[in-house]
Amino acid sequence: QMEGSVLSLSQPQLSQFANSWGGSPGESEVRPVTGLKNESNALVYRFLCYVVTALTSADPGNTLAKAFRNACKAVRQTDQVVWSGESALEVKGIGPHLANVLDRSLFHLYPQQPPPEEVSSRRPAGNNGNPSTSDAAVAAGG
Protein backbone atom coordinates (compact mmCIF):
# COMPACT_ATOMS: atom_id res chain seq x y z
CA GLN A 1 0.00 0.00 0.00
CA MET A 2 2.79 2.43 0.86
CA GLU A 3 4.50 2.09 -2.49
CA GLY A 4 1.33 2.44 -4.55
CA SER A 5 0.10 5.48 -2.61
CA VAL A 6 3.32 7.39 -2.98
CA LEU A 7 4.31 6.29 -6.45
CA SER A 8 0.91 7.40 -7.71
CA LEU A 9 2.29 10.94 -7.77
CA SER A 10 1.63 11.90 -11.35
CA GLN A 11 4.03 13.57 -13.76
CA PRO A 12 2.11 16.89 -13.36
CA GLN A 13 2.52 16.61 -9.58
CA LEU A 14 6.25 15.97 -9.98
CA SER A 15 6.45 18.93 -12.38
CA GLN A 16 4.63 21.02 -9.79
CA PHE A 17 7.26 19.91 -7.28
CA ALA A 18 10.02 21.04 -9.68
CA ASN A 19 8.31 24.41 -10.10
CA SER A 20 8.03 24.79 -6.33
CA TRP A 21 11.82 24.78 -5.94
CA GLY A 22 12.59 26.54 -9.21
CA GLY A 23 14.18 23.56 -10.94
CA SER A 24 13.58 21.37 -13.93
CA PRO A 25 14.57 17.79 -14.69
CA GLY A 26 18.30 17.58 -15.14
CA GLU A 27 18.91 20.80 -13.21
CA SER A 28 21.06 20.18 -10.18
CA GLU A 29 20.98 23.60 -8.51
CA VAL A 30 18.42 23.84 -5.73
CA ARG A 31 17.72 26.89 -3.64
CA PRO A 32 19.35 26.39 -0.24
CA VAL A 33 17.26 25.33 2.73
CA THR A 34 18.12 26.81 6.10
CA GLY A 35 18.64 24.38 8.95
CA LEU A 36 20.00 21.45 6.95
CA LYS A 37 23.14 19.88 8.43
CA ASN A 38 24.24 19.04 4.89
CA GLU A 39 23.14 21.55 2.24
CA SER A 40 23.62 18.90 -0.47
CA ASN A 41 20.37 17.34 0.77
CA ALA A 42 18.19 20.32 -0.18
CA LEU A 43 16.58 18.55 -3.14
CA VAL A 44 15.75 15.41 -1.14
CA TYR A 45 14.46 17.47 1.78
CA ARG A 46 12.22 19.60 -0.45
CA PHE A 47 10.90 16.50 -2.22
CA LEU A 48 10.02 14.76 1.05
CA CYS A 49 8.29 17.91 2.33
CA TYR A 50 6.36 18.17 -0.93
CA VAL A 51 5.17 14.56 -0.59
CA VAL A 52 4.05 15.23 3.00
CA THR A 53 2.06 18.25 1.78
CA ALA A 54 0.52 16.27 -1.10
CA LEU A 55 -0.45 13.37 1.16
CA THR A 56 -1.93 15.50 3.94
CA SER A 57 -3.84 17.80 1.56
CA ALA A 58 -5.64 14.76 0.11
CA ASP A 59 -6.19 13.12 3.50
CA PRO A 60 -5.27 15.08 6.66
CA GLY A 61 -5.14 11.85 8.71
CA ASN A 62 -2.83 10.06 6.27
CA THR A 63 -0.60 7.71 8.24
CA LEU A 64 1.92 7.47 5.40
CA ALA A 65 2.61 11.18 5.79
CA LYS A 66 4.09 10.44 9.24
CA ALA A 67 6.81 8.26 7.69
CA PHE A 68 7.66 11.06 5.26
CA ARG A 69 7.71 13.63 8.08
CA ASN A 70 10.16 11.41 9.97
CA ALA A 71 12.28 11.13 6.82
CA CYS A 72 12.24 14.93 6.43
CA LYS A 73 13.53 15.29 9.97
CA ALA A 74 16.18 12.61 9.39
CA VAL A 75 17.43 14.28 6.19
CA ARG A 76 17.52 17.67 7.92
CA GLN A 77 19.62 16.28 10.78
CA THR A 78 22.10 14.06 8.91
CA ASP A 79 25.62 14.98 7.91
CA GLN A 80 25.55 12.30 5.21
CA VAL A 81 24.81 13.20 1.57
CA VAL A 82 21.64 11.49 0.34
CA TRP A 83 22.21 11.07 -3.39
CA SER A 84 20.60 7.68 -4.10
CA GLY A 85 18.14 5.25 -2.60
CA GLU A 86 21.05 3.18 -1.35
CA SER A 87 22.61 6.17 0.43
CA ALA A 88 19.20 7.06 1.89
CA LEU A 89 19.05 3.66 3.59
CA GLU A 90 22.10 4.65 5.63
CA VAL A 91 20.13 7.48 7.25
CA LYS A 92 18.26 6.46 10.40
CA GLY A 93 14.60 7.19 9.73
CA ILE A 94 14.56 6.14 6.07
CA GLY A 95 13.61 2.56 5.34
CA PRO A 96 13.51 0.49 2.17
CA HIS A 97 10.10 1.73 1.01
CA LEU A 98 11.04 5.39 1.26
CA ALA A 99 14.42 4.72 -0.34
CA ASN A 100 12.56 3.04 -3.23
CA VAL A 101 10.27 6.05 -3.56
CA LEU A 102 13.30 8.36 -3.70
CA ASP A 103 14.90 6.20 -6.40
CA ARG A 104 11.78 5.89 -8.54
CA SER A 105 10.22 9.32 -8.09
CA LEU A 106 13.11 11.70 -7.45
CA PHE A 107 16.50 10.34 -8.46
CA HIS A 108 15.03 8.86 -11.65
CA LEU A 109 14.09 12.38 -12.82
CA TYR A 110 16.90 14.25 -11.06
CA PRO A 111 19.96 11.99 -11.03
CA GLN A 112 22.52 13.04 -8.43
CA GLN A 113 26.27 12.61 -8.48
CA PRO A 114 27.83 10.70 -5.59
CA PRO A 115 29.95 12.82 -3.27
CA PRO A 116 33.70 12.67 -4.06
CA GLU A 117 34.50 10.55 -1.00
CA GLU A 118 31.84 8.03 -2.10
CA VAL A 119 33.34 7.72 -5.58
CA SER A 120 36.86 7.12 -4.28
CA SER A 121 35.71 4.59 -1.68
CA ARG A 122 33.86 2.52 -4.30
CA ARG A 123 36.88 2.20 -6.56
CA PRO A 124 39.42 -0.36 -5.44
CA ALA A 125 42.98 0.89 -5.16
CA GLY A 126 45.29 0.08 -8.03
CA ASN A 127 44.48 -1.45 -11.40
CA ASN A 128 42.39 1.65 -12.30
CA GLY A 129 39.35 0.27 -10.49
CA ASN A 130 39.43 -3.05 -12.34
CA PRO A 131 39.21 -6.17 -10.20
CA SER A 132 42.43 -8.08 -9.92
CA THR A 133 42.71 -11.60 -11.24
CA SER A 134 42.61 -12.92 -7.69
CA ASP A 135 39.32 -11.05 -7.11
CA ALA A 136 37.93 -12.64 -10.27
CA ALA A 137 39.04 -16.08 -9.06
CA VAL A 138 37.31 -15.54 -5.71
CA ALA A 139 34.14 -14.34 -7.47
CA ALA A 140 34.24 -17.43 -9.71
CA GLY A 141 34.56 -19.63 -6.65
CA GLY A 142 38.21 -20.54 -7.19
C-alpha atoms as a PDB file:
ATOM      1  CA  GLN A   1       0.000   0.000   0.000  1.00  0.00           C
ATOM      2  CA  MET A   2       2.791   2.431   0.859  1.00  0.00           C
ATOM      3  CA  GLU A   3       4.502   2.087  -2.486  1.00  0.00           C
ATOM      4  CA  GLY A   4       1.332   2.444  -4.549  1.00  0.00           C
ATOM      5  CA  SER A   5       0.105   5.476  -2.613  1.00  0.00           C
ATOM      6  CA  VAL A   6       3.316   7.391  -2.982  1.00  0.00           C
ATOM      7  CA  LEU A   7       4.308   6.289  -6.453  1.00  0.00           C
ATOM      8  CA  SER A   8       0.915   7.400  -7.714  1.00  0.00           C
ATOM      9  CA  LEU A   9       2.295  10.939  -7.765  1.00  0.00           C
ATOM     10  CA  SER A  10       1.632  11.901 -11.353  1.00  0.00           C
ATOM     11  CA  GLN A  11       4.029  13.565 -13.756  1.00  0.00           C
ATOM     12  CA  PRO A  12       2.113  16.887 -13.363  1.00  0.00           C
ATOM     13  CA  GLN A  13       2.522  16.607  -9.576  1.00  0.00           C
ATOM     14  CA  LEU A  14       6.249  15.971  -9.976  1.00  0.00           C
ATOM     15  CA  SER A  15       6.445  18.928 -12.377  1.00  0.00           C
ATOM     16  CA  GLN A  16       4.628  21.016  -9.792  1.00  0.00           C
ATOM     17  CA  PHE A  17       7.260  19.909  -7.284  1.00  0.00           C
ATOM     18  CA  ALA A  18      10.019  21.037  -9.680  1.00  0.00           C
ATOM     19  CA  ASN A  19       8.314  24.413 -10.099  1.00  0.00           C
ATOM     20  CA  SER A  20       8.032  24.786  -6.327  1.00  0.00           C
ATOM     21  CA  TRP A  21      11.819  24.782  -5.944  1.00  0.00           C
ATOM     22  CA  GLY A  22      12.592  26.538  -9.211  1.00  0.00           C
ATOM     23  CA  GLY A  23      14.183  23.559 -10.944  1.00  0.00           C
ATOM     24  CA  SER A  24      13.575  21.366 -13.928  1.00  0.00           C
ATOM     25  CA  PRO A  25      14.569  17.787 -14.689  1.00  0.00           C
ATOM     26  CA  GLY A  26      18.301  17.581 -15.136  1.00  0.00           C
ATOM     27  CA  GLU A  27      18.908  20.796 -13.213  1.00  0.00           C
ATOM     28  CA  SER A  28      21.063  20.181 -10.178  1.00  0.00           C
ATOM     29  CA  GLU A  29      20.977  23.597  -8.514  1.00  0.00           C
ATOM     30  CA  VAL A  30      18.425  23.838  -5.729  1.00  0.00           C
ATOM     31  CA  ARG A  31      17.719  26.888  -3.637  1.00  0.00           C
ATOM     32  CA  PRO A  32      19.346  26.388  -0.235  1.00  0.00           C
ATOM     33  CA  VAL A  33      17.261  25.329   2.732  1.00  0.00           C
ATOM     34  CA  THR A  34      18.116  26.812   6.101  1.00  0.00           C
ATOM     35  CA  GLY A  35      18.644  24.381   8.950  1.00  0.00           C
ATOM     36  CA  LEU A  36      20.004  21.449   6.947  1.00  0.00           C
ATOM     37  CA  LYS A  37      23.137  19.883   8.430  1.00  0.00           C
ATOM     38  CA  ASN A  38      24.238  19.044   4.886  1.00  0.00           C
ATOM     39  CA  GLU A  39      23.140  21.547   2.241  1.00  0.00           C
ATOM     40  CA  SER A  40      23.618  18.904  -0.471  1.00  0.00           C
ATOM     41  CA  ASN A  41      20.372  17.335   0.769  1.00  0.00           C
ATOM     42  CA  ALA A  42      18.189  20.317  -0.177  1.00  0.00           C
ATOM     43  CA  LEU A  43      16.578  18.545  -3.142  1.00  0.00           C
ATOM     44  CA  VAL A  44      15.755  15.410  -1.142  1.00  0.00           C
ATOM     45  CA  TYR A  45      14.456  17.469   1.783  1.00  0.00           C
ATOM     46  CA  ARG A  46      12.220  19.601  -0.447  1.00  0.00           C
ATOM     47  CA  PHE A  47      10.901  16.498  -2.220  1.00  0.00           C
ATOM     48  CA  LEU A  48      10.019  14.759   1.049  1.00  0.00           C
ATOM     49  CA  CYS A  49       8.290  17.908   2.333  1.00  0.00           C
ATOM     50  CA  TYR A  50       6.365  18.166  -0.934  1.00  0.00           C
ATOM     51  CA  VAL A  51       5.169  14.564  -0.593  1.00  0.00           C
ATOM     52  CA  VAL A  52       4.052  15.231   3.000  1.00  0.00           C
ATOM     53  CA  THR A  53       2.058  18.250   1.783  1.00  0.00           C
ATOM     54  CA  ALA A  54       0.520  16.267  -1.100  1.00  0.00           C
ATOM     55  CA  LEU A  55      -0.448  13.369   1.163  1.00  0.00           C
ATOM     56  CA  THR A  56      -1.933  15.504   3.938  1.00  0.00           C
ATOM     57  CA  SER A  57      -3.840  17.797   1.555  1.00  0.00           C
ATOM     58  CA  ALA A  58      -5.637  14.764   0.106  1.00  0.00           C
ATOM     59  CA  ASP A  59      -6.194  13.123   3.503  1.00  0.00           C
ATOM     60  CA  PRO A  60      -5.266  15.079   6.664  1.00  0.00           C
ATOM     61  CA  GLY A  61      -5.142  11.854   8.710  1.00  0.00           C
ATOM     62  CA  ASN A  62      -2.832  10.058   6.273  1.00  0.00           C
ATOM     63  CA  THR A  63      -0.597   7.711   8.240  1.00  0.00           C
ATOM     64  CA  LEU A  64       1.915   7.471   5.401  1.00  0.00           C
ATOM     65  CA  ALA A  65       2.614  11.184   5.793  1.00  0.00           C
ATOM     66  CA  LYS A  66       4.089  10.444   9.240  1.00  0.00           C
ATOM     67  CA  ALA A  67       6.807   8.258   7.688  1.00  0.00           C
ATOM     68  CA  PHE A  68       7.655  11.055   5.262  1.00  0.00           C
ATOM     69  CA  ARG A  69       7.707  13.629   8.082  1.00  0.00           C
ATOM     70  CA  ASN A  70      10.161  11.414   9.966  1.00  0.00           C
ATOM     71  CA  ALA A  71      12.279  11.127   6.817  1.00  0.00           C
ATOM     72  CA  CYS A  72      12.245  14.932   6.430  1.00  0.00           C
ATOM     73  CA  LYS A  73      13.531  15.294   9.966  1.00  0.00           C
ATOM     74  CA  ALA A  74      16.179  12.611   9.393  1.00  0.00           C
ATOM     75  CA  VAL A  75      17.427  14.280   6.193  1.00  0.00           C
ATOM     76  CA  ARG A  76      17.519  17.670   7.918  1.00  0.00           C
ATOM     77  CA  GLN A  77      19.622  16.279  10.781  1.00  0.00           C
ATOM     78  CA  THR A  78      22.097  14.057   8.914  1.00  0.00           C
ATOM     79  CA  ASP A  79      25.624  14.982   7.905  1.00  0.00           C
ATOM     80  CA  GLN A  80      25.551  12.299   5.211  1.00  0.00           C
ATOM     81  CA  VAL A  81      24.810  13.202   1.567  1.00  0.00           C
ATOM     82  CA  VAL A  82      21.644  11.493   0.341  1.00  0.00           C
ATOM     83  CA  TRP A  83      22.209  11.069  -3.386  1.00  0.00           C
ATOM     84  CA  SER A  84      20.603   7.680  -4.099  1.00  0.00           C
ATOM     85  CA  GLY A  85      18.143   5.248  -2.604  1.00  0.00           C
ATOM     86  CA  GLU A  86      21.053   3.185  -1.347  1.00  0.00           C
ATOM     87  CA  SER A  87      22.607   6.169   0.431  1.00  0.00           C
ATOM     88  CA  ALA A  88      19.197   7.056   1.890  1.00  0.00           C
ATOM     89  CA  LEU A  89      19.051   3.657   3.595  1.00  0.00           C
ATOM     90  CA  GLU A  90      22.097   4.646   5.633  1.00  0.00           C
ATOM     91  CA  VAL A  91      20.127   7.481   7.250  1.00  0.00           C
ATOM     92  CA  LYS A  92      18.263   6.456  10.395  1.00  0.00           C
ATOM     93  CA  GLY A  93      14.600   7.188   9.735  1.00  0.00           C
ATOM     94  CA  ILE A  94      14.557   6.143   6.070  1.00  0.00           C
ATOM     95  CA  GLY A  95      13.608   2.564   5.343  1.00  0.00           C
ATOM     96  CA  PRO A  96      13.509   0.488   2.167  1.00  0.00           C
ATOM     97  CA  HIS A  97      10.098   1.729   1.005  1.00  0.00           C
ATOM     98  CA  LEU A  98      11.043   5.393   1.263  1.00  0.00           C
ATOM     99  CA  ALA A  99      14.421   4.718  -0.344  1.00  0.00           C
ATOM    100  CA  ASN A 100      12.561   3.045  -3.228  1.00  0.00           C
ATOM    101  CA  VAL A 101      10.272   6.054  -3.562  1.00  0.00           C
ATOM    102  CA  LEU A 102      13.298   8.358  -3.699  1.00  0.00           C
ATOM    103  CA  ASP A 103      14.902   6.202  -6.398  1.00  0.00           C
ATOM    104  CA  ARG A 104      11.780   5.894  -8.539  1.00  0.00           C
ATOM    105  CA  SER A 105      10.219   9.317  -8.087  1.00  0.00           C
ATOM    106  CA  LEU A 106      13.107  11.695  -7.454  1.00  0.00           C
ATOM    107  CA  PHE A 107      16.500  10.343  -8.460  1.00  0.00           C
ATOM    108  CA  HIS A 108      15.026   8.862 -11.655  1.00  0.00           C
ATOM    109  CA  LEU A 109      14.090  12.383 -12.818  1.00  0.00           C
ATOM    110  CA  TYR A 110      16.896  14.252 -11.062  1.00  0.00           C
ATOM    111  CA  PRO A 111      19.964  11.989 -11.030  1.00  0.00           C
ATOM    112  CA  GLN A 112      22.515  13.040  -8.428  1.00  0.00           C
ATOM    113  CA  GLN A 113      26.269  12.607  -8.478  1.00  0.00           C
ATOM    114  CA  PRO A 114      27.829  10.696  -5.592  1.00  0.00           C
ATOM    115  CA  PRO A 115      29.954  12.822  -3.274  1.00  0.00           C
ATOM    116  CA  PRO A 116      33.703  12.670  -4.060  1.00  0.00           C
ATOM    117  CA  GLU A 117      34.500  10.548  -0.999  1.00  0.00           C
ATOM    118  CA  GLU A 118      31.844   8.032  -2.097  1.00  0.00           C
ATOM    119  CA  VAL A 119      33.336   7.723  -5.583  1.00  0.00           C
ATOM    120  CA  SER A 120      36.857   7.124  -4.281  1.00  0.00           C
ATOM    121  CA  SER A 121      35.710   4.593  -1.675  1.00  0.00           C
ATOM    122  CA  ARG A 122      33.858   2.523  -4.297  1.00  0.00           C
ATOM    123  CA  ARG A 123      36.881   2.199  -6.559  1.00  0.00           C
ATOM    124  CA  PRO A 124      39.421  -0.362  -5.440  1.00  0.00           C
ATOM    125  CA  ALA A 125      42.979   0.885  -5.156  1.00  0.00           C
ATOM    126  CA  GLY A 126      45.294   0.082  -8.033  1.00  0.00           C
ATOM    127  CA  ASN A 127      44.483  -1.453 -11.404  1.00  0.00           C
ATOM    128  CA  ASN A 128      42.388   1.653 -12.302  1.00  0.00           C
ATOM    129  CA  GLY A 129      39.353   0.268 -10.490  1.00  0.00           C
ATOM    130  CA  ASN A 130      39.425  -3.053 -12.345  1.00  0.00           C
ATOM    131  CA  PRO A 131      39.211  -6.165 -10.199  1.00  0.00           C
ATOM    132  CA  SER A 132      42.427  -8.081  -9.920  1.00  0.00           C
ATOM    133  CA  THR A 133      42.714 -11.603 -11.237  1.00  0.00           C
ATOM    134  CA  SER A 134      42.613 -12.924  -7.686  1.00  0.00           C
ATOM    135  CA  ASP A 135      39.324 -11.047  -7.114  1.00  0.00           C
ATOM    136  CA  ALA A 136      37.934 -12.640 -10.267  1.00  0.00           C
ATOM    137  CA  ALA A 137      39.037 -16.081  -9.056  1.00  0.00           C
ATOM    138  CA  VAL A 138      37.312 -15.542  -5.707  1.00  0.00           C
ATOM    139  CA  ALA A 139      34.142 -14.345  -7.470  1.00  0.00           C
ATOM    140  CA  ALA A 140      34.235 -17.429  -9.707  1.00  0.00           C
ATOM    141  CA  GLY A 141      34.555 -19.634  -6.647  1.00  0.00           C
ATOM    142  CA  GLY A 142      38.210 -20.541  -7.188  1.00  0.00           C
END
